[in-house]
Amino acid sequence: MKIKVFIQRSGETKLIDLGENSRIGDLLKSLGISPSEIVPVKNGAIVTEREILRDGDEVKLLSVVSGG
C-alpha cells in the first residue's frame, strides 16, 4: 500500500510503502516522528494516530508550533 506523505518541517513529499491495515501511528513510527510534534491530516481532514490508512491516501504532517 502506497501513501503520499508531505512533511511540513522538512518541506518534502515522500511516497511511503506500508503494510495493509497500517495506521497513522505506524507511519509516524516508520518516519521517526513523535506524535506530539505534528498534527496529522489525511485527505484534507485532521485525524488521530489511530486512523487507518488506505492505498492512495494523502497525508500531511503539519508541525505543531508553540510559544509565548
N, C-alpha and C. Protein backbone atom coordinates (compact mmCIF):
# COMPACT_ATOMS: atom_id res chain seq x y z
N MET A 1 0.85 -1.16 0.00
CA MET A 1 0.00 0.00 0.00
C MET A 1 0.90 1.23 0.00
N LYS A 2 0.65 2.15 -0.91
CA LYS A 2 1.46 3.36 -1.02
C LYS A 2 0.68 4.58 -0.54
N ILE A 3 1.36 5.39 0.27
CA ILE A 3 0.79 6.60 0.86
C ILE A 3 1.67 7.78 0.47
N LYS A 4 1.06 8.86 0.01
CA LYS A 4 1.81 10.08 -0.29
C LYS A 4 1.82 10.93 0.98
N VAL A 5 3.02 11.29 1.44
CA VAL A 5 3.17 12.00 2.72
C VAL A 5 3.94 13.30 2.51
N PHE A 6 3.34 14.41 2.95
CA PHE A 6 4.02 15.70 2.98
C PHE A 6 4.43 15.98 4.41
N ILE A 7 5.71 16.22 4.63
CA ILE A 7 6.24 16.51 5.97
C ILE A 7 6.59 18.00 6.01
N GLN A 8 5.80 18.76 6.72
CA GLN A 8 5.95 20.22 6.72
C GLN A 8 7.30 20.66 7.25
N ARG A 9 7.79 20.05 8.34
CA ARG A 9 9.04 20.54 8.95
C ARG A 9 10.24 20.46 8.01
N SER A 10 10.23 19.50 7.09
CA SER A 10 11.34 19.38 6.14
C SER A 10 10.96 19.89 4.75
N GLY A 11 9.65 20.10 4.54
CA GLY A 11 9.18 20.59 3.25
C GLY A 11 9.23 19.55 2.14
N GLU A 12 9.36 18.29 2.52
CA GLU A 12 9.47 17.25 1.49
C GLU A 12 8.22 16.38 1.40
N THR A 13 8.02 15.83 0.22
CA THR A 13 6.93 14.89 -0.02
C THR A 13 7.55 13.54 -0.34
N LYS A 14 7.04 12.50 0.32
CA LYS A 14 7.56 11.14 0.13
C LYS A 14 6.43 10.20 -0.25
N LEU A 15 6.77 9.15 -0.97
CA LEU A 15 5.86 8.06 -1.25
C LEU A 15 6.30 6.92 -0.36
N ILE A 16 5.46 6.56 0.61
CA ILE A 16 5.81 5.55 1.61
C ILE A 16 5.01 4.28 1.34
N ASP A 17 5.69 3.15 1.42
CA ASP A 17 5.05 1.85 1.23
C ASP A 17 4.83 1.22 2.60
N LEU A 18 3.57 1.04 2.98
CA LEU A 18 3.22 0.47 4.29
C LEU A 18 2.42 -0.81 4.09
N GLY A 19 2.37 -1.63 5.13
CA GLY A 19 1.57 -2.85 5.10
C GLY A 19 0.08 -2.54 5.24
N GLU A 20 -0.74 -3.51 4.86
CA GLU A 20 -2.19 -3.35 4.99
C GLU A 20 -2.57 -3.11 6.45
N ASN A 21 -3.66 -2.38 6.66
CA ASN A 21 -4.19 -2.06 7.99
C ASN A 21 -3.23 -1.23 8.83
N SER A 22 -2.33 -0.49 8.19
CA SER A 22 -1.44 0.42 8.93
C SER A 22 -2.23 1.65 9.36
N ARG A 23 -1.76 2.25 10.42
CA ARG A 23 -2.40 3.44 10.96
C ARG A 23 -1.42 4.61 10.89
N ILE A 24 -1.93 5.80 11.16
CA ILE A 24 -1.09 6.99 11.19
C ILE A 24 0.07 6.78 12.16
N GLY A 25 -0.19 6.17 13.30
CA GLY A 25 0.86 5.90 14.28
C GLY A 25 1.98 5.05 13.71
N ASP A 26 1.64 4.06 12.88
CA ASP A 26 2.65 3.22 12.23
C ASP A 26 3.49 4.05 11.25
N LEU A 27 2.83 4.94 10.53
CA LEU A 27 3.52 5.82 9.60
C LEU A 27 4.51 6.71 10.36
N LEU A 28 4.07 7.31 11.46
CA LEU A 28 4.95 8.17 12.25
C LEU A 28 6.15 7.40 12.77
N LYS A 29 5.91 6.18 13.25
CA LYS A 29 7.00 5.35 13.76
C LYS A 29 8.01 5.05 12.66
N SER A 30 7.53 4.75 11.46
CA SER A 30 8.43 4.43 10.35
C SER A 30 9.27 5.65 9.93
N LEU A 31 8.74 6.85 10.18
CA LEU A 31 9.45 8.08 9.83
C LEU A 31 10.27 8.64 10.99
N GLY A 32 10.13 8.03 12.18
CA GLY A 32 10.85 8.53 13.35
C GLY A 32 10.34 9.86 13.86
N ILE A 33 9.02 10.07 13.73
CA ILE A 33 8.40 11.33 14.15
C ILE A 33 7.50 11.07 15.35
N SER A 34 7.64 11.88 16.40
CA SER A 34 6.81 11.76 17.59
C SER A 34 5.43 12.34 17.32
N PRO A 35 4.37 11.66 17.76
CA PRO A 35 3.01 12.18 17.57
C PRO A 35 2.79 13.55 18.21
N SER A 36 3.58 13.89 19.23
CA SER A 36 3.41 15.18 19.90
C SER A 36 3.98 16.33 19.09
N GLU A 37 4.73 16.02 18.02
CA GLU A 37 5.36 17.05 17.21
C GLU A 37 4.53 17.51 16.01
N ILE A 38 3.47 16.76 15.69
CA ILE A 38 2.73 17.04 14.46
C ILE A 38 1.21 16.96 14.65
N VAL A 39 0.50 17.49 13.67
CA VAL A 39 -0.95 17.29 13.53
C VAL A 39 -1.13 16.56 12.21
N PRO A 40 -1.65 15.32 12.26
CA PRO A 40 -1.82 14.57 11.01
C PRO A 40 -3.11 14.96 10.29
N VAL A 41 -3.01 15.14 8.98
CA VAL A 41 -4.17 15.46 8.15
C VAL A 41 -4.22 14.41 7.03
N LYS A 42 -5.34 13.68 6.95
CA LYS A 42 -5.50 12.65 5.92
C LYS A 42 -6.60 13.06 4.97
N ASN A 43 -6.25 13.18 3.70
CA ASN A 43 -7.22 13.55 2.66
C ASN A 43 -8.01 14.80 3.04
N GLY A 44 -7.32 15.78 3.66
CA GLY A 44 -7.94 17.06 3.97
C GLY A 44 -8.62 17.16 5.33
N ALA A 45 -8.63 16.07 6.12
CA ALA A 45 -9.28 16.09 7.43
C ALA A 45 -8.28 15.76 8.53
N ILE A 46 -8.34 16.50 9.63
CA ILE A 46 -7.48 16.22 10.77
C ILE A 46 -7.91 14.88 11.37
N VAL A 47 -6.92 14.03 11.64
CA VAL A 47 -7.20 12.69 12.18
C VAL A 47 -6.29 12.42 13.38
N THR A 48 -6.54 11.31 14.05
CA THR A 48 -5.68 10.89 15.17
C THR A 48 -4.68 9.85 14.67
N GLU A 49 -3.74 9.49 15.53
CA GLU A 49 -2.76 8.49 15.13
C GLU A 49 -3.36 7.09 15.02
N ARG A 50 -4.60 6.92 15.44
CA ARG A 50 -5.27 5.61 15.33
C ARG A 50 -6.00 5.43 13.99
N GLU A 51 -6.01 6.47 13.17
CA GLU A 51 -6.70 6.43 11.88
C GLU A 51 -6.05 5.40 10.95
N ILE A 52 -6.88 4.54 10.35
CA ILE A 52 -6.39 3.53 9.42
C ILE A 52 -6.12 4.17 8.06
N LEU A 53 -5.02 3.77 7.46
CA LEU A 53 -4.64 4.28 6.15
C LEU A 53 -5.06 3.31 5.05
N ARG A 54 -5.37 3.85 3.89
CA ARG A 54 -5.75 3.06 2.71
C ARG A 54 -4.81 3.42 1.56
N ASP A 55 -4.66 2.51 0.63
CA ASP A 55 -3.82 2.74 -0.54
C ASP A 55 -4.27 4.01 -1.25
N GLY A 56 -3.32 4.88 -1.55
CA GLY A 56 -3.61 6.11 -2.27
C GLY A 56 -3.95 7.31 -1.40
N ASP A 57 -4.03 7.12 -0.07
CA ASP A 57 -4.29 8.25 0.82
C ASP A 57 -3.19 9.29 0.71
N GLU A 58 -3.56 10.53 0.94
CA GLU A 58 -2.59 11.62 1.00
C GLU A 58 -2.58 12.16 2.43
N VAL A 59 -1.41 12.16 3.03
CA VAL A 59 -1.25 12.57 4.42
C VAL A 59 -0.33 13.77 4.49
N LYS A 60 -0.71 14.75 5.29
CA LYS A 60 0.15 15.89 5.59
C LYS A 60 0.47 15.83 7.07
N LEU A 61 1.74 15.96 7.41
CA LEU A 61 2.17 16.00 8.80
C LEU A 61 2.57 17.44 9.10
N LEU A 62 1.63 18.17 9.72
CA LEU A 62 1.84 19.60 9.98
C LEU A 62 2.52 19.79 11.32
N SER A 63 3.50 20.65 11.36
CA SER A 63 4.28 20.90 12.56
C SER A 63 3.43 21.64 13.61
N VAL A 64 3.61 21.22 14.87
CA VAL A 64 2.98 21.90 15.99
C VAL A 64 3.90 23.03 16.41
N VAL A 65 3.35 24.23 16.51
CA VAL A 65 4.14 25.39 16.90
C VAL A 65 3.61 25.91 18.23
N SER A 66 4.51 26.14 19.16
CA SER A 66 4.09 26.70 20.45
C SER A 66 5.05 27.80 20.85
N GLY A 67 4.62 28.60 21.74
CA GLY A 67 5.47 29.70 22.18
C GLY A 67 4.65 30.69 22.98
N GLY A 68 5.27 31.75 23.34
CA GLY A 68 4.52 32.70 24.16
C GLY A 68 4.87 34.11 23.91
